[in-house]
Amino acid sequence: MSGGSLGLLLRHLLAVAMLPAMVAGLIPYWLARRNGISLHVGDALPAIALQALGLVLLGIGVVLFVASLRRFAVDGRGTLAPWDPPRHLVVRGPYRYVRNPMITGVAFVLAGEALLLQSRPHAEWALLFLAINAIYIPLVEEPLLAQRHGEAYRRYCAHVPRLLPRLRPWTPENQL
C-alpha cells in the first residue's frame, strides 16, 4: 500500500469513527442503555416479522453506505467528512440513483436498528437524524457543492433526487 493510499485509508477511518460510528453506533448504544432496551426475539409473529424487516433494512443500509464510501475514495479522492470532502464530483455507483446515498444508508441502518430492537427511542432518533439532514443538506451542503462543482453539480441535482432513490440510474450525457 502506497503512502497516499495509506493516508486516504487513515482519513476514511477517522471520518467513519467520528461521524457514522457515532450516529449509528454510539448514540443508539446510549439510547438502549438509557432506556433499558436490549435485543430479544419478538414474542409474536408480527414482532418477529418487523425484526426481520429491520435486519433487511440494516443490511441494505450498510451495503449502501460502504458502496458510497468506496465511490468517495475511488472517484472523489476524499472522505465523507465535511473537513475532507471529495475533490471531484461523484456521480457513479449509488450516486446515479440518489444524491446522498450515505445519509440514505445511515437512515436505513437507524430504521433497521429501531425495528430490530423494537424501540421507540431508536425510531425517534432515526426520524431526528432524517430531519436534521433534511435541513442541513439543502441549506449548507448543497450550496457549497454548487459553489465547488458549478454547472456540473446543478445538472446532477436536476436529475438525481436528494434522499429517496430514483428507480433507474441517471446517466449523464458526458461524464462530469
N, C-alpha and C. Protein backbone atom coordinates (compact mmCIF):
# COMPACT_ATOMS: atom_id res chain seq x y z
N MET A 1 0.86 -1.18 0.00
CA MET A 1 0.00 0.00 0.00
C MET A 1 0.89 1.23 0.00
N SER A 2 0.65 2.13 -0.93
CA SER A 2 1.48 3.33 -1.03
C SER A 2 1.13 4.31 0.09
N GLY A 3 2.01 5.27 0.28
CA GLY A 3 1.79 6.27 1.32
C GLY A 3 0.51 7.05 1.11
N GLY A 4 0.19 7.37 -0.19
CA GLY A 4 -1.05 8.09 -0.50
C GLY A 4 -2.27 7.26 -0.18
N SER A 5 -2.22 5.96 -0.51
CA SER A 5 -3.35 5.07 -0.23
C SER A 5 -3.53 4.89 1.27
N LEU A 6 -2.42 4.76 1.99
CA LEU A 6 -2.49 4.60 3.45
C LEU A 6 -3.06 5.86 4.09
N GLY A 7 -2.63 7.03 3.57
CA GLY A 7 -3.15 8.29 4.09
C GLY A 7 -4.65 8.41 3.88
N LEU A 8 -5.11 8.03 2.69
CA LEU A 8 -6.55 8.10 2.39
C LEU A 8 -7.31 7.13 3.29
N LEU A 9 -6.76 5.92 3.49
CA LEU A 9 -7.40 4.95 4.37
C LEU A 9 -7.52 5.50 5.79
N LEU A 10 -6.46 6.09 6.29
CA LEU A 10 -6.50 6.67 7.65
C LEU A 10 -7.50 7.82 7.73
N ARG A 11 -7.57 8.65 6.69
CA ARG A 11 -8.56 9.74 6.67
C ARG A 11 -9.97 9.19 6.70
N HIS A 12 -10.22 8.10 5.95
CA HIS A 12 -11.55 7.48 5.95
C HIS A 12 -11.88 6.89 7.31
N LEU A 13 -10.94 6.21 7.91
CA LEU A 13 -11.19 5.61 9.23
C LEU A 13 -11.52 6.67 10.26
N LEU A 14 -10.81 7.78 10.24
CA LEU A 14 -11.09 8.88 11.16
C LEU A 14 -12.49 9.44 10.92
N ALA A 15 -12.83 9.68 9.66
CA ALA A 15 -14.15 10.23 9.33
C ALA A 15 -15.27 9.28 9.74
N VAL A 16 -15.10 7.98 9.46
CA VAL A 16 -16.12 6.99 9.82
C VAL A 16 -16.25 6.92 11.34
N ALA A 17 -15.13 6.94 12.05
CA ALA A 17 -15.17 6.87 13.51
C ALA A 17 -15.87 8.08 14.10
N MET A 18 -15.70 9.23 13.49
CA MET A 18 -16.27 10.45 14.06
C MET A 18 -17.72 10.69 13.67
N LEU A 19 -18.15 10.20 12.51
CA LEU A 19 -19.49 10.53 12.05
C LEU A 19 -20.45 9.35 12.10
N PRO A 20 -20.44 8.43 11.14
CA PRO A 20 -21.45 7.36 11.17
C PRO A 20 -21.33 6.43 12.37
N ALA A 21 -20.13 6.21 12.88
CA ALA A 21 -20.00 5.35 14.06
C ALA A 21 -20.70 5.98 15.26
N MET A 22 -20.66 7.30 15.35
CA MET A 22 -21.36 7.99 16.43
C MET A 22 -22.87 7.92 16.22
N VAL A 23 -23.30 8.23 14.99
CA VAL A 23 -24.73 8.30 14.67
C VAL A 23 -25.41 6.94 14.75
N ALA A 24 -24.76 5.91 14.19
CA ALA A 24 -25.40 4.59 14.09
C ALA A 24 -24.88 3.60 15.13
N GLY A 25 -23.89 3.99 15.90
CA GLY A 25 -23.32 3.09 16.90
C GLY A 25 -23.43 3.64 18.31
N LEU A 26 -22.70 4.70 18.58
CA LEU A 26 -22.61 5.23 19.95
C LEU A 26 -23.95 5.78 20.45
N ILE A 27 -24.63 6.58 19.65
CA ILE A 27 -25.91 7.15 20.10
C ILE A 27 -26.96 6.05 20.29
N PRO A 28 -27.13 5.11 19.34
CA PRO A 28 -28.07 4.01 19.59
C PRO A 28 -27.71 3.16 20.81
N TYR A 29 -26.42 2.95 21.04
CA TYR A 29 -26.00 2.21 22.23
C TYR A 29 -26.41 2.97 23.49
N TRP A 30 -26.17 4.27 23.50
CA TRP A 30 -26.53 5.10 24.64
C TRP A 30 -28.04 5.09 24.86
N LEU A 31 -28.81 5.19 23.76
CA LEU A 31 -30.28 5.14 23.88
C LEU A 31 -30.74 3.82 24.49
N ALA A 32 -30.15 2.72 24.04
CA ALA A 32 -30.52 1.40 24.57
C ALA A 32 -30.20 1.32 26.06
N ARG A 33 -29.02 1.75 26.44
CA ARG A 33 -28.63 1.71 27.87
C ARG A 33 -29.54 2.60 28.71
N ARG A 34 -29.76 3.80 28.22
CA ARG A 34 -30.57 4.78 28.97
C ARG A 34 -32.01 4.31 29.16
N ASN A 35 -32.54 3.58 28.17
CA ASN A 35 -33.95 3.17 28.20
C ASN A 35 -34.15 1.70 28.54
N GLY A 36 -33.08 1.02 28.93
CA GLY A 36 -33.19 -0.39 29.31
C GLY A 36 -33.63 -1.28 28.16
N ILE A 37 -33.19 -0.97 26.96
CA ILE A 37 -33.57 -1.73 25.77
C ILE A 37 -32.49 -2.74 25.44
N SER A 38 -32.90 -3.98 25.20
CA SER A 38 -31.94 -5.00 24.79
C SER A 38 -32.53 -5.79 23.64
N LEU A 39 -31.65 -6.43 22.90
CA LEU A 39 -32.08 -7.23 21.76
C LEU A 39 -32.68 -8.53 22.25
N HIS A 40 -33.88 -8.81 21.79
CA HIS A 40 -34.55 -10.07 22.10
C HIS A 40 -35.47 -10.42 20.94
N VAL A 41 -35.72 -11.69 20.76
CA VAL A 41 -36.61 -12.12 19.69
C VAL A 41 -38.04 -11.80 20.09
N GLY A 42 -38.80 -11.24 19.14
CA GLY A 42 -40.19 -10.88 19.41
C GLY A 42 -41.01 -12.07 19.88
N ASP A 43 -42.09 -11.78 20.61
CA ASP A 43 -42.90 -12.85 21.19
C ASP A 43 -44.11 -13.23 20.33
N ALA A 44 -44.28 -12.58 19.19
CA ALA A 44 -45.39 -12.90 18.29
C ALA A 44 -44.92 -12.72 16.85
N LEU A 45 -45.61 -13.34 15.93
CA LEU A 45 -45.21 -13.30 14.52
C LEU A 45 -45.07 -11.89 13.96
N PRO A 46 -45.99 -10.94 14.25
CA PRO A 46 -45.80 -9.58 13.72
C PRO A 46 -44.50 -8.94 14.22
N ALA A 47 -44.18 -9.13 15.48
CA ALA A 47 -42.94 -8.56 16.03
C ALA A 47 -41.72 -9.19 15.37
N ILE A 48 -41.76 -10.49 15.16
CA ILE A 48 -40.64 -11.18 14.52
C ILE A 48 -40.50 -10.72 13.07
N ALA A 49 -41.63 -10.54 12.40
CA ALA A 49 -41.59 -10.05 11.01
C ALA A 49 -40.98 -8.65 10.94
N LEU A 50 -41.32 -7.78 11.89
CA LEU A 50 -40.73 -6.44 11.92
C LEU A 50 -39.23 -6.51 12.20
N GLN A 51 -38.84 -7.43 13.07
CA GLN A 51 -37.41 -7.59 13.34
C GLN A 51 -36.68 -8.09 12.10
N ALA A 52 -37.30 -9.01 11.36
CA ALA A 52 -36.69 -9.50 10.11
C ALA A 52 -36.56 -8.35 9.11
N LEU A 53 -37.59 -7.52 9.01
CA LEU A 53 -37.52 -6.34 8.15
C LEU A 53 -36.38 -5.43 8.62
N GLY A 54 -36.24 -5.28 9.93
CA GLY A 54 -35.16 -4.47 10.48
C GLY A 54 -33.79 -4.99 10.05
N LEU A 55 -33.61 -6.30 10.06
CA LEU A 55 -32.34 -6.88 9.60
C LEU A 55 -32.09 -6.57 8.13
N VAL A 56 -33.15 -6.67 7.32
CA VAL A 56 -33.02 -6.37 5.89
C VAL A 56 -32.64 -4.90 5.70
N LEU A 57 -33.34 -4.00 6.38
CA LEU A 57 -33.03 -2.57 6.27
C LEU A 57 -31.61 -2.27 6.73
N LEU A 58 -31.20 -2.87 7.82
CA LEU A 58 -29.85 -2.68 8.33
C LEU A 58 -28.84 -3.14 7.29
N GLY A 59 -29.06 -4.29 6.69
CA GLY A 59 -28.15 -4.80 5.67
C GLY A 59 -28.09 -3.90 4.45
N ILE A 60 -29.24 -3.45 3.98
CA ILE A 60 -29.28 -2.53 2.83
C ILE A 60 -28.51 -1.25 3.17
N GLY A 61 -28.73 -0.74 4.37
CA GLY A 61 -28.05 0.49 4.78
C GLY A 61 -26.55 0.35 4.81
N VAL A 62 -26.06 -0.75 5.34
CA VAL A 62 -24.61 -0.97 5.40
C VAL A 62 -24.03 -1.08 4.00
N VAL A 63 -24.68 -1.85 3.13
CA VAL A 63 -24.19 -2.01 1.75
C VAL A 63 -24.18 -0.66 1.03
N LEU A 64 -25.24 0.11 1.18
CA LEU A 64 -25.32 1.42 0.54
C LEU A 64 -24.25 2.36 1.08
N PHE A 65 -24.06 2.36 2.38
CA PHE A 65 -23.04 3.22 2.98
C PHE A 65 -21.64 2.85 2.49
N VAL A 66 -21.32 1.56 2.51
CA VAL A 66 -19.98 1.12 2.10
C VAL A 66 -19.74 1.41 0.61
N ALA A 67 -20.74 1.16 -0.23
CA ALA A 67 -20.59 1.45 -1.66
C ALA A 67 -20.38 2.94 -1.89
N SER A 68 -21.07 3.78 -1.13
CA SER A 68 -20.92 5.23 -1.25
C SER A 68 -19.55 5.67 -0.80
N LEU A 69 -19.10 5.13 0.30
CA LEU A 69 -17.79 5.47 0.85
C LEU A 69 -16.70 5.09 -0.16
N ARG A 70 -16.86 3.94 -0.78
CA ARG A 70 -15.89 3.48 -1.79
C ARG A 70 -15.84 4.45 -2.97
N ARG A 71 -17.00 4.91 -3.43
CA ARG A 71 -17.03 5.86 -4.56
C ARG A 71 -16.34 7.17 -4.17
N PHE A 72 -16.56 7.62 -2.92
CA PHE A 72 -15.89 8.84 -2.46
C PHE A 72 -14.38 8.67 -2.52
N ALA A 73 -13.89 7.52 -2.11
CA ALA A 73 -12.45 7.28 -2.11
C ALA A 73 -11.90 7.15 -3.52
N VAL A 74 -12.54 6.30 -4.33
CA VAL A 74 -12.02 5.98 -5.66
C VAL A 74 -12.24 7.13 -6.65
N ASP A 75 -13.47 7.60 -6.76
CA ASP A 75 -13.79 8.62 -7.76
C ASP A 75 -13.52 10.04 -7.24
N GLY A 76 -13.84 10.27 -5.99
CA GLY A 76 -13.76 11.63 -5.46
C GLY A 76 -12.44 11.97 -4.81
N ARG A 77 -11.67 10.94 -4.43
CA ARG A 77 -10.39 11.13 -3.74
C ARG A 77 -10.54 11.97 -2.47
N GLY A 78 -11.59 11.67 -1.72
CA GLY A 78 -11.82 12.35 -0.45
C GLY A 78 -12.60 11.44 0.47
N THR A 79 -13.11 12.00 1.55
CA THR A 79 -13.84 11.23 2.56
C THR A 79 -15.24 11.80 2.74
N LEU A 80 -16.00 11.18 3.63
CA LEU A 80 -17.34 11.66 3.94
C LEU A 80 -17.34 12.87 4.86
N ALA A 81 -16.21 13.18 5.43
CA ALA A 81 -16.13 14.27 6.40
C ALA A 81 -16.19 15.64 5.73
N PRO A 82 -16.97 16.56 6.28
CA PRO A 82 -17.04 17.91 5.70
C PRO A 82 -15.67 18.60 5.65
N TRP A 83 -14.76 18.26 6.56
CA TRP A 83 -13.45 18.87 6.58
C TRP A 83 -12.47 18.22 5.58
N ASP A 84 -12.88 17.12 4.93
CA ASP A 84 -12.03 16.42 3.97
C ASP A 84 -12.90 15.86 2.83
N PRO A 85 -13.62 16.75 2.12
CA PRO A 85 -14.59 16.27 1.12
C PRO A 85 -13.89 15.73 -0.13
N PRO A 86 -14.64 15.01 -0.95
CA PRO A 86 -14.09 14.55 -2.24
C PRO A 86 -13.64 15.75 -3.07
N ARG A 87 -12.56 15.55 -3.78
CA ARG A 87 -12.03 16.62 -4.63
C ARG A 87 -12.76 16.69 -5.97
N HIS A 88 -13.41 15.59 -6.38
CA HIS A 88 -14.12 15.52 -7.65
C HIS A 88 -15.58 15.15 -7.37
N LEU A 89 -16.48 15.65 -8.22
CA LEU A 89 -17.89 15.32 -8.11
C LEU A 89 -18.09 13.84 -8.39
N VAL A 90 -18.78 13.15 -7.50
CA VAL A 90 -19.02 11.72 -7.63
C VAL A 90 -20.43 11.49 -8.17
N VAL A 91 -20.52 10.85 -9.34
CA VAL A 91 -21.83 10.59 -9.96
C VAL A 91 -21.92 9.14 -10.44
N ARG A 92 -21.16 8.25 -9.87
CA ARG A 92 -21.18 6.83 -10.24
C ARG A 92 -21.70 6.00 -9.07
N GLY A 93 -21.94 4.72 -9.34
CA GLY A 93 -22.41 3.82 -8.30
C GLY A 93 -23.75 4.27 -7.76
N PRO A 94 -23.92 4.24 -6.43
CA PRO A 94 -25.22 4.63 -5.86
C PRO A 94 -25.57 6.10 -6.09
N TYR A 95 -24.57 6.91 -6.42
CA TYR A 95 -24.82 8.34 -6.69
C TYR A 95 -25.59 8.55 -8.00
N ARG A 96 -25.75 7.51 -8.80
CA ARG A 96 -26.57 7.59 -10.00
C ARG A 96 -28.05 7.50 -9.65
N TYR A 97 -28.37 7.05 -8.46
CA TYR A 97 -29.75 6.88 -8.01
C TYR A 97 -30.20 7.95 -7.02
N VAL A 98 -29.28 8.40 -6.18
CA VAL A 98 -29.64 9.34 -5.11
C VAL A 98 -28.41 10.19 -4.79
N ARG A 99 -28.63 11.50 -4.52
CA ARG A 99 -27.51 12.40 -4.28
C ARG A 99 -26.81 12.16 -2.95
N ASN A 100 -27.52 11.62 -1.99
CA ASN A 100 -26.95 11.42 -0.65
C ASN A 100 -27.10 9.97 -0.20
N PRO A 101 -26.47 9.03 -0.92
CA PRO A 101 -26.65 7.63 -0.55
C PRO A 101 -26.07 7.27 0.82
N MET A 102 -25.07 8.02 1.27
CA MET A 102 -24.55 7.73 2.62
C MET A 102 -25.59 8.05 3.67
N ILE A 103 -26.23 9.20 3.54
CA ILE A 103 -27.26 9.58 4.50
C ILE A 103 -28.43 8.60 4.41
N THR A 104 -28.81 8.24 3.18
CA THR A 104 -29.88 7.26 3.00
C THR A 104 -29.48 5.93 3.63
N GLY A 105 -28.23 5.52 3.43
CA GLY A 105 -27.75 4.28 4.03
C GLY A 105 -27.79 4.31 5.54
N VAL A 106 -27.33 5.40 6.13
CA VAL A 106 -27.36 5.53 7.59
C VAL A 106 -28.80 5.55 8.09
N ALA A 107 -29.69 6.21 7.36
CA ALA A 107 -31.11 6.23 7.75
C ALA A 107 -31.69 4.81 7.73
N PHE A 108 -31.32 4.02 6.72
CA PHE A 108 -31.75 2.61 6.68
C PHE A 108 -31.21 1.85 7.89
N VAL A 109 -29.95 2.08 8.24
CA VAL A 109 -29.36 1.42 9.40
C VAL A 109 -30.13 1.79 10.67
N LEU A 110 -30.41 3.08 10.85
CA LEU A 110 -31.12 3.53 12.05
C LEU A 110 -32.54 2.96 12.10
N ALA A 111 -33.22 2.93 10.97
CA ALA A 111 -34.57 2.34 10.94
C ALA A 111 -34.48 0.85 11.24
N GLY A 112 -33.48 0.19 10.69
CA GLY A 112 -33.28 -1.22 10.96
C GLY A 112 -33.02 -1.49 12.43
N GLU A 113 -32.21 -0.65 13.05
CA GLU A 113 -31.95 -0.81 14.49
C GLU A 113 -33.23 -0.64 15.29
N ALA A 114 -34.03 0.36 14.94
CA ALA A 114 -35.28 0.61 15.67
C ALA A 114 -36.21 -0.59 15.57
N LEU A 115 -36.34 -1.16 14.37
CA LEU A 115 -37.21 -2.32 14.20
C LEU A 115 -36.64 -3.56 14.87
N LEU A 116 -35.36 -3.77 14.74
CA LEU A 116 -34.72 -4.93 15.34
C LEU A 116 -34.84 -4.91 16.86
N LEU A 117 -34.66 -3.73 17.45
CA LEU A 117 -34.75 -3.59 18.90
C LEU A 117 -36.18 -3.35 19.38
N GLN A 118 -37.11 -3.13 18.44
CA GLN A 118 -38.48 -2.78 18.77
C GLN A 118 -38.51 -1.59 19.73
N SER A 119 -37.82 -0.54 19.31
CA SER A 119 -37.55 0.58 20.20
C SER A 119 -38.09 1.90 19.66
N ARG A 120 -38.98 2.50 20.42
CA ARG A 120 -39.49 3.82 20.06
C ARG A 120 -38.39 4.89 20.14
N PRO A 121 -37.53 4.91 21.19
CA PRO A 121 -36.46 5.92 21.20
C PRO A 121 -35.54 5.82 19.98
N HIS A 122 -35.28 4.62 19.51
CA HIS A 122 -34.43 4.47 18.34
C HIS A 122 -35.16 4.95 17.07
N ALA A 123 -36.47 4.72 16.99
CA ALA A 123 -37.25 5.23 15.87
C ALA A 123 -37.26 6.76 15.89
N GLU A 124 -37.40 7.34 17.07
CA GLU A 124 -37.37 8.80 17.19
C GLU A 124 -36.00 9.35 16.78
N TRP A 125 -34.93 8.66 17.15
CA TRP A 125 -33.58 9.08 16.76
C TRP A 125 -33.44 9.02 15.24
N ALA A 126 -33.96 7.97 14.60
CA ALA A 126 -33.89 7.85 13.15
C ALA A 126 -34.63 9.02 12.48
N LEU A 127 -35.80 9.36 12.99
CA LEU A 127 -36.56 10.49 12.44
C LEU A 127 -35.84 11.82 12.66
N LEU A 128 -35.25 12.00 13.84
CA LEU A 128 -34.50 13.22 14.12
C LEU A 128 -33.30 13.33 13.17
N PHE A 129 -32.60 12.23 12.96
CA PHE A 129 -31.46 12.21 12.04
C PHE A 129 -31.91 12.65 10.64
N LEU A 130 -33.02 12.10 10.18
CA LEU A 130 -33.55 12.49 8.86
C LEU A 130 -33.93 13.97 8.83
N ALA A 131 -34.57 14.45 9.89
CA ALA A 131 -34.98 15.86 9.94
C ALA A 131 -33.77 16.79 9.91
N ILE A 132 -32.75 16.46 10.69
CA ILE A 132 -31.53 17.28 10.70
C ILE A 132 -30.93 17.36 9.30
N ASN A 133 -30.84 16.21 8.64
CA ASN A 133 -30.25 16.19 7.30
C ASN A 133 -31.14 16.84 6.26
N ALA A 134 -32.45 16.75 6.43
CA ALA A 134 -33.38 17.40 5.51
C ALA A 134 -33.22 18.92 5.56
N ILE A 135 -32.75 19.43 6.69
CA ILE A 135 -32.50 20.87 6.83
C ILE A 135 -31.06 21.21 6.41
N TYR A 136 -30.10 20.46 6.94
CA TYR A 136 -28.68 20.74 6.71
C TYR A 136 -28.27 20.63 5.24
N ILE A 137 -28.71 19.57 4.58
CA ILE A 137 -28.25 19.31 3.21
C ILE A 137 -28.61 20.45 2.26
N PRO A 138 -29.88 20.87 2.17
CA PRO A 138 -30.18 21.95 1.22
C PRO A 138 -29.67 23.33 1.65
N LEU A 139 -29.57 23.56 2.96
CA LEU A 139 -29.15 24.88 3.42
C LEU A 139 -27.64 25.07 3.47
N VAL A 140 -26.88 23.99 3.73
CA VAL A 140 -25.44 24.13 3.91
C VAL A 140 -24.65 23.33 2.86
N GLU A 141 -24.92 22.04 2.79
CA GLU A 141 -24.09 21.18 1.94
C GLU A 141 -24.26 21.47 0.45
N GLU A 142 -25.48 21.56 -0.01
CA GLU A 142 -25.70 21.73 -1.45
C GLU A 142 -25.18 23.07 -1.99
N PRO A 143 -25.36 24.19 -1.27
CA PRO A 143 -24.76 25.43 -1.79
C PRO A 143 -23.23 25.34 -1.90
N LEU A 144 -22.59 24.66 -0.95
CA LEU A 144 -21.14 24.50 -1.02
C LEU A 144 -20.74 23.64 -2.22
N LEU A 145 -21.51 22.57 -2.47
CA LEU A 145 -21.21 21.70 -3.60
C LEU A 145 -21.45 22.44 -4.92
N ALA A 146 -22.49 23.25 -4.99
CA ALA A 146 -22.76 24.04 -6.19
C ALA A 146 -21.63 25.03 -6.44
N GLN A 147 -21.12 25.61 -5.37
CA GLN A 147 -20.01 26.56 -5.49
C GLN A 147 -18.74 25.83 -5.95
N ARG A 148 -18.50 24.66 -5.41
CA ARG A 148 -17.28 23.90 -5.72
C ARG A 148 -17.32 23.28 -7.12
N HIS A 149 -18.50 22.75 -7.52
CA HIS A 149 -18.57 21.98 -8.77
C HIS A 149 -19.38 22.66 -9.88
N GLY A 150 -20.00 23.80 -9.58
CA GLY A 150 -20.66 24.61 -10.60
C GLY A 150 -21.78 23.94 -11.35
N GLU A 151 -21.80 24.18 -12.67
CA GLU A 151 -22.88 23.72 -13.53
C GLU A 151 -23.02 22.20 -13.52
N ALA A 152 -21.93 21.48 -13.41
CA ALA A 152 -22.00 20.01 -13.39
C ALA A 152 -22.85 19.53 -12.21
N TYR A 153 -22.69 20.17 -11.05
CA TYR A 153 -23.47 19.78 -9.88
C TYR A 153 -24.94 20.18 -10.05
N ARG A 154 -25.19 21.37 -10.58
CA ARG A 154 -26.57 21.80 -10.78
C ARG A 154 -27.29 20.87 -11.76
N ARG A 155 -26.61 20.43 -12.80
CA ARG A 155 -27.20 19.49 -13.76
C ARG A 155 -27.48 18.15 -13.07
N TYR A 156 -26.54 17.70 -12.26
CA TYR A 156 -26.72 16.46 -11.50
C TYR A 156 -27.95 16.57 -10.58
N CYS A 157 -28.08 17.68 -9.86
CA CYS A 157 -29.22 17.89 -8.96
C CYS A 157 -30.55 17.88 -9.71
N ALA A 158 -30.54 18.36 -10.94
CA ALA A 158 -31.77 18.40 -11.72
C ALA A 158 -32.26 17.00 -12.09
N HIS A 159 -31.37 16.03 -12.05
CA HIS A 159 -31.73 14.68 -12.49
C HIS A 159 -31.78 13.63 -11.38
N VAL A 160 -31.11 13.89 -10.27
CA VAL A 160 -30.98 12.87 -9.22
C VAL A 160 -31.56 13.43 -7.91
N PRO A 161 -32.52 12.71 -7.30
CA PRO A 161 -33.14 13.20 -6.06
C PRO A 161 -32.18 13.18 -4.86
N ARG A 162 -32.52 13.99 -3.87
CA ARG A 162 -31.67 14.19 -2.70
C ARG A 162 -31.59 12.95 -1.80
N LEU A 163 -32.70 12.40 -1.34
CA LEU A 163 -32.67 11.32 -0.34
C LEU A 163 -33.40 10.05 -0.75
N LEU A 164 -34.46 10.17 -1.54
CA LEU A 164 -35.21 8.99 -1.97
C LEU A 164 -34.74 8.58 -3.36
N PRO A 165 -34.17 7.40 -3.50
CA PRO A 165 -33.57 6.99 -4.78
C PRO A 165 -34.58 6.94 -5.94
N ARG A 166 -34.09 7.27 -7.11
CA ARG A 166 -34.87 7.10 -8.33
C ARG A 166 -34.83 5.62 -8.72
N LEU A 167 -35.76 5.18 -9.54
CA LEU A 167 -35.84 3.76 -9.89
C LEU A 167 -34.78 3.33 -10.89
N ARG A 168 -34.46 4.20 -11.83
CA ARG A 168 -33.44 3.89 -12.83
C ARG A 168 -32.24 4.79 -12.63
N PRO A 169 -31.05 4.28 -12.87
CA PRO A 169 -29.86 5.11 -12.68
C PRO A 169 -29.79 6.24 -13.69
N TRP A 170 -29.32 7.38 -13.24
CA TRP A 170 -29.10 8.52 -14.13
C TRP A 170 -27.78 8.33 -14.84
N THR A 171 -27.79 8.59 -16.13
CA THR A 171 -26.57 8.52 -16.91
C THR A 171 -26.34 9.89 -17.52
N PRO A 172 -25.29 10.57 -17.08
CA PRO A 172 -25.03 11.89 -17.66
C PRO A 172 -24.67 11.76 -19.13
N GLU A 173 -25.02 12.79 -19.91
CA GLU A 173 -24.72 12.79 -21.34
C GLU A 173 -23.23 12.58 -21.56
N ASN A 174 -22.45 13.30 -20.79
CA ASN A 174 -21.00 13.11 -20.80
C ASN A 174 -20.56 13.02 -19.35
N GLN A 175 -19.60 12.20 -19.08
CA GLN A 175 -19.15 12.06 -17.68
C GLN A 175 -18.64 13.40 -17.18
N LEU A 176 -19.09 13.77 -15.99
CA LEU A 176 -18.75 15.07 -15.41
C LEU A 176 -17.31 15.14 -14.98
